Protein backbone atom coordinates (compact mmCIF):
# COMPACT_ATOMS: atom_id res chain seq x y z
CA MET A 1 -81.86 -67.26 59.40
CA LYS A 2 -81.33 -69.02 56.08
CA LYS A 3 -84.19 -67.00 54.55
CA SER A 4 -82.59 -63.78 55.77
CA LEU A 5 -79.24 -64.72 54.29
CA PHE A 6 -80.90 -65.67 51.02
CA ALA A 7 -82.78 -62.36 50.88
CA LEU A 8 -79.59 -60.41 51.60
CA ALA A 9 -77.74 -62.26 48.86
CA ALA A 10 -80.55 -61.60 46.39
CA LEU A 11 -80.57 -57.89 47.30
CA SER A 12 -76.82 -57.67 46.83
CA ALA A 13 -77.05 -59.34 43.43
CA PHE A 14 -79.78 -56.90 42.38
CA ALA A 15 -77.69 -53.91 43.49
CA THR A 16 -74.70 -55.24 41.59
CA THR A 17 -76.80 -55.63 38.44
CA ALA A 18 -78.19 -52.10 38.78
CA GLN A 19 -74.71 -50.64 39.21
CA ALA A 20 -73.48 -52.52 36.16
CA GLN A 21 -76.10 -50.71 34.10
CA SER A 22 -75.03 -47.24 35.27
CA SER A 23 -71.38 -46.25 35.70
CA VAL A 24 -69.34 -43.09 36.30
CA SER A 25 -65.59 -42.82 35.84
CA ILE A 26 -62.89 -40.17 36.09
CA TYR A 27 -60.27 -39.82 33.38
CA GLY A 28 -57.50 -37.42 32.47
CA ASN A 29 -54.29 -36.48 30.72
CA LEU A 30 -51.33 -34.76 32.43
CA ASP A 31 -48.65 -33.36 30.13
CA ALA A 32 -45.81 -31.02 31.11
CA THR A 33 -43.38 -29.69 28.49
CA GLU A 34 -40.22 -27.63 28.74
CA ALA A 35 -40.10 -25.66 25.48
CA TYR A 36 -37.31 -23.57 23.96
CA GLN A 37 -37.63 -21.03 21.12
CA SER A 38 -35.01 -18.98 19.30
CA ALA A 39 -35.51 -16.27 16.66
CA GLY A 40 -32.60 -13.97 15.90
CA VAL A 41 -31.30 -12.66 19.22
CA GLY A 42 -34.55 -13.53 20.99
CA LYS A 43 -34.73 -16.68 23.10
CA SER A 44 -37.35 -18.06 25.46
CA TYR A 45 -37.76 -20.99 27.84
CA ALA A 46 -41.18 -21.96 29.18
CA LEU A 47 -42.91 -24.75 31.07
CA THR A 48 -46.13 -25.30 29.15
CA ALA A 49 -49.21 -27.46 29.65
CA ALA A 50 -50.29 -27.93 26.03
CA ALA A 51 -47.24 -27.89 23.75
CA ASN A 52 -47.51 -31.65 23.23
CA SER A 53 -51.09 -32.44 24.30
CA THR A 54 -53.68 -30.69 26.44
CA SER A 55 -53.68 -31.47 30.15
CA LEU A 56 -57.23 -32.14 31.29
CA TRP A 57 -59.49 -34.20 33.52
CA GLY A 58 -63.08 -35.29 33.14
CA LEU A 59 -66.06 -37.19 34.42
CA THR A 60 -67.99 -39.51 32.14
CA GLY A 61 -70.82 -41.92 32.70
CA SER A 62 -73.52 -43.91 30.97
CA GLU A 63 -76.68 -45.87 31.72
CA ASP A 64 -77.81 -48.95 29.80
CA LEU A 65 -81.42 -48.33 28.71
CA GLY A 66 -81.79 -51.74 27.06
CA SER A 67 -82.48 -52.70 23.43
CA GLY A 68 -79.09 -51.32 22.37
CA MET A 69 -79.75 -47.85 23.78
CA LYS A 70 -77.83 -45.91 26.41
CA MET A 71 -77.78 -42.47 27.99
CA GLY A 72 -74.55 -40.78 28.99
CA PHE A 73 -72.71 -37.58 29.79
CA ASP A 74 -69.22 -36.06 29.56
CA LEU A 75 -67.75 -33.20 31.65
CA LYS A 76 -64.21 -32.14 30.69
CA SER A 77 -61.90 -29.46 32.09
CA GLU A 78 -58.43 -28.18 31.21
CA ILE A 79 -55.61 -28.28 33.78
CA ASN A 80 -52.67 -25.89 33.60
CA LEU A 81 -49.70 -27.72 35.14
CA ALA A 82 -47.68 -24.50 35.15
CA THR A 83 -50.17 -22.61 37.35
CA GLY A 84 -52.36 -25.32 38.86
CA ALA A 85 -55.46 -23.67 37.42
CA THR A 86 -58.36 -25.74 36.12
CA GLY A 87 -60.83 -24.67 33.49
CA SER A 88 -60.06 -21.72 31.25
CA GLY A 89 -60.88 -18.04 31.17
CA THR A 90 -60.15 -17.86 27.44
CA ASN A 91 -63.07 -20.06 26.42
CA VAL A 92 -65.83 -18.37 28.41
CA PRO A 93 -68.71 -17.16 26.21
CA PRO A 94 -69.16 -13.49 27.16
CA THR A 95 -72.56 -11.94 27.72
CA THR A 96 -71.95 -8.83 25.60
CA SER A 97 -70.20 -8.29 22.30
CA PHE A 98 -67.89 -5.99 20.38
CA LEU A 99 -70.18 -4.25 17.89
CA VAL A 100 -69.41 -1.61 15.30
CA THR A 101 -71.80 1.28 15.81
CA ALA A 102 -70.71 3.15 12.68
CA LEU A 103 -68.20 2.65 9.93
CA GLY A 104 -64.78 3.02 11.48
CA THR A 105 -66.16 3.28 15.04
CA VAL A 106 -65.95 0.30 17.33
CA ASN A 107 -67.73 -0.19 20.63
CA THR A 108 -65.06 -1.86 22.74
CA THR A 109 -67.16 -2.47 25.84
CA ALA A 110 -65.66 -5.60 27.32
CA PRO A 111 -67.78 -8.71 27.78
CA THR A 112 -68.89 -8.97 31.38
CA ASN A 113 -67.48 -12.38 32.23
CA VAL A 114 -64.22 -12.54 30.31
CA GLY A 115 -61.40 -13.53 32.65
CA THR A 116 -63.52 -15.78 34.81
CA SER A 117 -62.93 -19.49 34.56
CA ASN A 118 -65.52 -21.97 33.41
CA LEU A 119 -64.74 -25.33 35.00
CA PHE A 120 -65.81 -27.73 32.26
CA ASN A 121 -64.60 -25.54 29.42
CA ARG A 122 -63.74 -28.41 27.06
CA GLY A 123 -67.05 -30.24 27.28
CA ALA A 124 -70.34 -30.36 29.17
CA ASN A 125 -72.89 -32.51 27.38
CA ILE A 126 -75.36 -35.36 27.59
CA PHE A 127 -76.20 -37.89 24.88
CA ILE A 128 -78.54 -40.72 23.98
CA SER A 129 -77.42 -43.37 21.52
CA SER A 130 -78.73 -46.42 19.72
CA ALA A 131 -76.65 -49.09 18.02
CA SER A 132 -78.97 -49.01 15.02
CA LEU A 133 -80.16 -45.37 14.94
CA GLY A 134 -77.10 -43.31 15.92
CA GLU A 135 -76.44 -40.74 18.64
CA ILE A 136 -77.86 -37.36 19.63
CA LYS A 137 -75.70 -35.09 21.83
CA LEU A 138 -76.72 -31.83 23.54
CA GLY A 139 -74.54 -29.20 25.27
CA ARG A 140 -70.98 -27.92 24.87
CA MET A 141 -68.88 -30.22 22.70
CA ASP A 142 -65.99 -30.42 20.25
CA ASP A 143 -66.49 -28.69 16.93
CA ILE A 144 -66.65 -31.44 14.29
CA GLU A 145 -64.03 -29.88 12.03
CA TRP A 146 -61.63 -29.13 14.90
CA ALA A 147 -61.90 -32.64 16.35
CA THR A 148 -61.48 -34.23 12.92
CA ALA A 149 -58.39 -32.17 12.11
CA GLY A 150 -56.87 -33.20 15.44
CA SER A 151 -57.42 -36.89 14.72
CA PHE A 152 -55.19 -36.51 11.64
CA SER A 153 -52.29 -34.78 13.39
CA THR A 154 -49.27 -35.16 11.13
CA SER A 155 -46.78 -35.02 14.03
CA GLY A 156 -48.81 -36.84 16.70
CA SER A 157 -48.32 -33.74 18.85
CA ASN A 158 -49.72 -30.21 19.18
CA SER A 159 -46.32 -28.92 17.99
CA PHE A 160 -44.26 -29.31 14.80
CA GLY A 161 -47.14 -30.35 12.54
CA SER A 162 -50.71 -29.82 11.42
CA ASN A 163 -52.13 -29.25 14.93
CA GLN A 164 -49.98 -26.14 15.36
CA GLY A 165 -50.79 -24.87 11.88
CA HIS A 166 -54.49 -25.56 12.25
CA ALA A 167 -54.62 -23.84 15.63
CA GLN A 168 -53.14 -20.64 14.24
CA ILE A 169 -55.23 -20.32 11.09
CA GLY A 170 -58.41 -21.61 12.75
CA ASN A 171 -58.32 -19.29 15.74
CA MET A 172 -58.98 -15.87 14.24
CA ALA A 173 -58.24 -14.28 17.64
CA ASN A 174 -54.58 -15.30 17.61
CA THR A 175 -51.95 -12.60 17.68
CA GLY A 176 -50.75 -12.02 14.16
CA MET A 177 -53.56 -14.07 12.63
CA GLY A 178 -56.87 -12.52 13.63
CA VAL A 179 -57.04 -8.74 13.66
CA CYS A 180 -60.28 -7.41 12.23
CA ARG A 181 -60.66 -4.27 10.14
CA THR A 182 -63.56 -1.86 9.76
CA GLY A 183 -62.93 0.40 6.79
CA SER A 184 -59.39 1.66 7.45
CA THR A 185 -59.65 1.16 11.23
CA PHE A 186 -58.12 -1.92 12.82
CA PHE A 187 -59.07 -3.48 16.14
CA THR A 188 -58.40 -6.71 18.00
CA GLY A 189 -61.65 -8.39 18.92
CA ASN A 190 -61.62 -12.07 19.85
CA GLY A 191 -64.00 -13.04 17.09
CA ILE A 192 -64.56 -12.73 13.37
CA CYS A 193 -64.99 -9.68 11.17
CA SER A 194 -67.73 -9.89 8.58
CA THR A 195 -70.68 -8.22 6.80
CA MET A 196 -68.50 -5.78 4.89
CA GLY A 197 -66.35 -5.40 7.98
CA GLN A 198 -69.00 -3.63 10.00
CA THR A 199 -69.54 -6.25 12.69
CA ALA A 200 -66.92 -7.79 14.93
CA ASN A 201 -68.34 -10.92 16.46
CA ASN A 202 -66.95 -11.32 19.96
CA VAL A 203 -69.78 -13.33 21.44
CA ASN A 204 -71.48 -16.69 21.22
CA THR A 205 -70.09 -20.19 21.50
CA TYR A 206 -66.71 -19.79 19.80
CA GLN A 207 -65.24 -17.19 22.11
CA GLY A 208 -61.61 -17.92 22.91
CA THR A 209 -60.32 -20.84 20.86
CA ALA A 210 -62.39 -19.81 17.90
CA ASP A 211 -62.95 -23.10 16.15
CA ALA A 212 -62.50 -25.67 18.94
CA PHE A 213 -65.88 -25.89 20.67
CA MET A 214 -69.55 -25.21 20.07
CA THR A 215 -72.77 -25.33 22.05
CA GLY A 216 -75.84 -26.93 20.53
CA ILE A 217 -76.97 -30.31 19.18
CA GLN A 218 -75.12 -33.00 17.23
CA PHE A 219 -76.30 -36.13 15.42
CA THR A 220 -73.98 -39.02 14.57
CA THR A 221 -75.11 -41.75 12.18
CA PRO A 222 -74.38 -45.46 12.60
CA THR A 223 -71.60 -46.85 10.41
CA PHE A 224 -72.57 -48.30 7.01
CA ALA A 225 -69.97 -50.04 4.85
CA GLY A 226 -67.22 -48.12 6.62
CA PHE A 227 -68.94 -44.73 6.27
CA SER A 228 -70.42 -42.56 9.01
CA ALA A 229 -71.42 -38.89 9.28
CA LYS A 230 -71.93 -36.14 11.85
CA VAL A 231 -73.88 -32.90 11.72
CA GLN A 232 -74.19 -30.19 14.39
CA THR A 233 -75.73 -26.77 14.89
CA GLY A 234 -75.65 -24.21 17.66
CA LEU A 235 -79.28 -23.18 17.10
CA GLY A 236 -78.27 -19.56 17.72
CA ALA A 237 -76.91 -20.32 21.19
CA ASN A 238 -75.97 -17.18 23.16
CA SER A 239 -77.17 -14.89 20.38
CA ALA A 240 -76.74 -11.24 21.31
CA THR A 241 -79.36 -9.97 18.87
CA ALA A 242 -82.89 -10.76 17.77
CA THR A 243 -81.63 -12.35 14.55
CA GLU A 244 -82.22 -16.07 15.02
CA SER A 245 -79.07 -17.11 13.16
CA ALA A 246 -76.85 -14.50 14.85
CA GLY A 247 -73.77 -16.12 16.30
CA ASN A 248 -74.81 -19.56 15.14
CA THR A 249 -72.34 -22.36 14.59
CA SER A 250 -72.93 -25.32 12.30
CA GLY A 251 -70.79 -28.10 10.92
CA TYR A 252 -70.73 -31.54 9.39
CA GLY A 253 -68.32 -34.35 8.62
CA LEU A 254 -68.09 -37.54 6.56
CA PHE A 255 -65.80 -40.34 7.77
CA TYR A 256 -64.49 -43.56 6.22
CA THR A 257 -62.56 -46.54 7.54
CA GLY A 258 -61.50 -49.30 5.15
CA LEU A 259 -58.79 -51.70 3.98
CA GLY A 260 -59.06 -53.70 7.17
CA GLY A 261 -58.76 -50.57 9.29
CA ASN A 262 -55.52 -49.50 7.61
CA LEU A 263 -57.11 -46.47 5.88
CA ASN A 264 -58.94 -43.64 7.61
CA ALA A 265 -60.17 -40.54 5.81
CA ALA A 266 -62.53 -37.66 6.58
CA PHE A 267 -64.01 -34.47 5.19
CA SER A 268 -65.38 -31.86 7.60
CA GLN A 269 -66.45 -28.24 7.60
CA SER A 270 -67.36 -25.65 10.24
CA LEU A 271 -69.51 -22.57 9.50
CA ARG A 272 -69.53 -19.55 11.86
CA TYR A 273 -72.10 -16.75 11.63
CA ASP A 274 -71.65 -13.20 12.92
CA ASP A 275 -73.94 -11.02 15.02
CA THR A 276 -76.04 -10.05 12.00
CA GLY A 277 -76.65 -13.67 11.02
CA ALA A 278 -74.33 -13.52 7.99
CA LEU A 279 -71.79 -16.25 7.31
CA GLY A 280 -68.49 -14.97 8.66
CA LEU A 281 -65.95 -17.79 8.89
CA THR A 282 -65.68 -21.13 7.06
CA ILE A 283 -63.10 -23.76 8.02
CA THR A 284 -62.70 -26.86 5.83
CA ASN A 285 -60.54 -29.90 6.52
CA ILE A 286 -59.61 -33.07 4.64
CA GLY A 287 -57.54 -35.66 6.49
CA ALA A 288 -56.20 -39.11 5.66
CA LYS A 289 -54.14 -41.72 7.47
CA TYR A 290 -52.80 -44.88 5.83
CA LYS A 291 -50.83 -47.71 7.42
CA ALA A 292 -48.58 -48.50 4.48
CA MET A 293 -46.57 -51.12 6.37
CA PRO A 294 -46.87 -52.59 9.86
CA ALA A 295 -44.36 -50.03 11.15
CA VAL A 296 -45.03 -47.09 8.79
CA THR A 297 -48.07 -44.77 8.81
CA LEU A 298 -48.57 -41.90 6.36
CA ILE A 299 -50.69 -38.90 7.40
CA GLY A 300 -51.99 -35.98 5.35
CA ASN A 301 -53.97 -32.92 6.47
CA TRP A 302 -55.39 -30.07 4.35
CA THR A 303 -57.14 -27.11 5.98
CA GLN A 304 -58.54 -23.92 4.50
CA THR A 305 -60.03 -20.96 6.37
CA GLY A 306 -61.87 -18.05 4.86
CA LEU A 307 -63.77 -14.97 5.97
CA SER A 308 -66.94 -14.09 4.08
CA ASN A 309 -68.03 -10.53 3.23
CA ALA A 310 -64.74 -9.04 4.47
CA THR A 311 -64.09 -5.35 3.78
CA VAL A 312 -62.07 -4.46 0.66
CA GLY A 313 -61.46 -8.14 0.04
CA ASN A 314 -59.09 -8.61 2.98
CA ILE A 315 -58.65 -7.75 6.61
CA GLY A 316 -55.23 -7.46 8.05
CA LEU A 317 -52.66 -6.19 10.45
CA ASN A 318 -49.70 -8.07 11.93
CA GLY A 319 -50.30 -10.93 9.51
CA ALA A 320 -54.08 -11.17 9.61
CA ASN A 321 -55.81 -11.89 6.33
CA ALA A 322 -59.04 -13.10 4.85
CA GLY A 323 -58.02 -16.70 4.36
CA ASN A 324 -55.29 -19.30 4.80
CA THR A 325 -54.54 -22.66 3.20
CA MET A 326 -52.48 -25.35 4.95
CA TYR A 327 -50.92 -28.52 3.56
CA SER A 328 -49.30 -30.85 6.08
CA PHE A 329 -47.71 -34.28 5.67
CA GLY A 330 -46.25 -36.69 8.20
CA VAL A 331 -44.58 -40.10 8.40
CA ASN A 332 -44.66 -42.12 11.61
CA TYR A 333 -42.26 -45.03 12.10
CA GLN A 334 -42.78 -47.56 14.90
CA VAL A 335 -39.19 -48.39 15.84
CA SER A 336 -40.24 -50.89 18.50
CA PRO A 337 -43.38 -51.55 20.59
CA ALA A 338 -42.20 -48.82 22.99
CA ILE A 339 -40.57 -46.30 20.62
CA ASP A 340 -41.85 -44.34 17.63
CA MET A 341 -40.42 -41.51 15.52
CA ASN A 342 -42.28 -38.92 13.46
CA VAL A 343 -41.28 -36.47 10.73
CA ALA A 344 -43.75 -33.74 9.65
CA TYR A 345 -43.70 -30.96 7.06
CA THR A 346 -46.27 -28.15 6.85
CA THR A 347 -46.87 -25.15 4.61
CA ILE A 348 -49.37 -22.32 5.14
CA THR A 349 -50.10 -19.55 2.66
CA GLY A 350 -52.35 -16.57 3.25
CA ASP A 351 -54.24 -14.10 1.13
CA THR A 352 -52.50 -10.85 0.29
CA GLN A 353 -52.23 -8.94 3.54
CA ALA A 354 -53.32 -5.36 4.06
CA THR A 355 -51.87 -2.86 6.50
CA SER A 356 -53.41 0.33 7.78
CA THR A 357 -51.05 2.35 5.59
CA ALA A 358 -51.78 0.20 2.56
CA VAL A 359 -55.48 0.99 2.30
CA THR A 360 -55.82 3.89 -0.13
CA ASN A 361 -59.03 4.80 -1.93
CA GLY A 362 -60.37 1.29 -1.39
CA SER A 363 -57.29 -0.38 -2.84
CA VAL A 364 -55.32 -2.97 -0.92
CA VAL A 365 -51.57 -3.16 -1.27
CA GLY A 366 -49.49 -5.77 0.49
CA THR A 367 -47.42 -8.92 0.28
CA ALA A 368 -48.42 -12.54 0.62
CA ASN A 369 -47.86 -14.22 3.97
CA ALA A 370 -46.47 -17.75 4.16
CA VAL A 371 -44.73 -20.15 6.51
CA THR A 372 -43.06 -23.52 6.08
CA MET A 373 -42.46 -25.72 9.11
CA TRP A 374 -40.74 -29.03 9.73
CA GLY A 375 -40.35 -31.10 12.88
CA VAL A 376 -39.02 -34.39 14.21
CA THR A 377 -40.63 -35.96 17.29
CA GLY A 378 -39.64 -39.07 19.22
CA ARG A 379 -41.60 -40.88 21.94
CA TYR A 380 -40.72 -43.60 24.45
CA ASN A 381 -43.58 -45.37 26.23
CA PHE A 382 -42.73 -46.68 29.68
CA SER A 383 -46.23 -48.17 29.69
CA LYS A 384 -49.60 -47.65 27.97
CA ARG A 385 -50.16 -44.61 30.20
CA THR A 386 -46.74 -43.01 30.71
CA GLN A 387 -44.63 -41.47 27.96
CA LEU A 388 -41.38 -39.52 27.61
CA TYR A 389 -41.10 -37.42 24.43
CA ALA A 390 -38.84 -34.89 22.73
CA GLY A 391 -39.02 -32.87 19.55
CA VAL A 392 -37.16 -30.34 17.47
CA GLY A 393 -38.28 -28.19 14.54
CA GLN A 394 -38.13 -24.91 12.67
CA SER A 395 -40.54 -22.54 10.95
CA THR A 396 -39.53 -20.15 8.17
CA ASN A 397 -41.89 -17.18 7.94
CA SER A 398 -42.35 -14.66 5.14
CA GLY A 399 -44.48 -11.56 4.74
CA ALA A 400 -45.97 -10.63 8.09
CA TYR A 401 -46.24 -14.15 9.55
CA PHE A 402 -44.44 -14.94 12.79
CA MET A 403 -45.42 -18.52 13.68
CA SER A 404 -43.41 -20.79 15.94
CA PRO A 405 -43.16 -24.59 15.53
CA ILE A 406 -44.22 -24.85 19.19
CA TYR A 407 -47.95 -24.85 19.91
CA GLY A 408 -48.85 -21.63 21.69
CA GLY A 409 -45.60 -19.96 20.66
CA VAL A 410 -47.07 -17.49 18.19
CA THR A 411 -45.01 -14.53 19.39
CA MET A 412 -41.85 -14.12 21.44
CA ALA A 413 -41.05 -11.23 23.75
CA GLY A 414 -37.58 -9.74 23.49
CA THR A 415 -36.83 -10.73 19.92
CA THR A 416 -35.70 -8.17 17.38
CA ALA A 417 -36.26 -10.51 14.45
CA GLY A 418 -39.89 -9.42 14.05
CA THR A 419 -42.31 -10.82 11.53
CA GLY A 420 -41.00 -12.89 8.67
CA ALA A 421 -38.36 -14.52 10.90
CA SER A 422 -37.20 -18.11 11.12
CA ILE A 423 -37.90 -19.67 14.52
CA PHE A 424 -36.08 -22.71 15.87
CA ALA A 425 -37.73 -24.64 18.69
CA SER A 426 -37.28 -27.76 20.78
CA MET A 427 -39.20 -29.46 23.56
CA ILE A 428 -38.96 -32.31 26.04
CA GLY A 429 -41.68 -33.53 28.33
CA LEU A 430 -43.50 -36.19 30.26
CA LYS A 431 -47.08 -37.36 29.76
CA HIS A 432 -49.33 -39.57 31.87
CA SER A 433 -52.95 -40.53 31.27
CA PHE A 434 -55.44 -42.03 33.69
């Protein structure tokens, strides 16, 4: 009897040890925001799921392989608290593309799986890492530049600061920011327009939120003297043509942490290639965060987007153009352990815009697009996981821009103000993480 009890105890201890080496956990973020926008006589109220931060849930796990090595995975899905939907139909890589068959003629055959929802739209990857050699990740993951820009959010929210500005100039599919042009013909593909304007890329890994995710391989170095680096490539994932670099995504980033952890800085860049294999879209970001005093943190974020090989120097309609530059600055003040306040200021300027009536004999006539945006955000933490927040801000648009301070509020139905308007916005919401 004693031997049996001893054997059972030994077996239980072994099982406990084995489980300690391999673990799976569920995590998530639930964020519901009531947002208000006003532009001229137009007003809107909306319950949103991403105005402050993205609602999501995920599964993650890892296995200890010994000698400082481990294997792991991450599966991550959006949740829309307004509709109850999970996953996203806007980030599904389609199986066919929008291709220009002749100058000025666009094949608008819709991709076959647009509108369906992919469950783990925000991440589906596995990785192997070593404390001394770094990490290799395979699958669908965050774009390096997009993730880096988000880590230097000047408002600490998706709205009122650099996250909103970056989302609009980085996603070339956005209304008012991403209309492609072929010759003098305009069309609205969800991708980039390149190679002298004769290919509209609406395929591959950056469908939907154009610069947020990629599918491929990523290598992360260990940290040396405060420096680390990342590099990733899509390896032509989901290419619709025989060209090996068609639709490819690549990117890299250099990161630094110093001054006792009080200074963080990064440089990152994302390169997107069209269906012919030519470089179509480049997004560059420089971010810095400095804890100047125990209660005061300064944040800066610079982002530039640019289309390569665009027709007649620019593409444009409803505010689209061949490139944008954003400067954003923020100050965060920790009022108390539970309360913080943030002030952010952002400017975006675009290349000279072209309209369909402004293209004459190859010449482009138009006016520069620009927007300035400010916002104030306050947060109260009931605990480490539960937060009440509120914010208010305004954007002042010129040219053909029509950007709201609220994330996702690019356009407003019912307004007569039109492009170039000033938009006032406010929000209040509740956030809980698990």
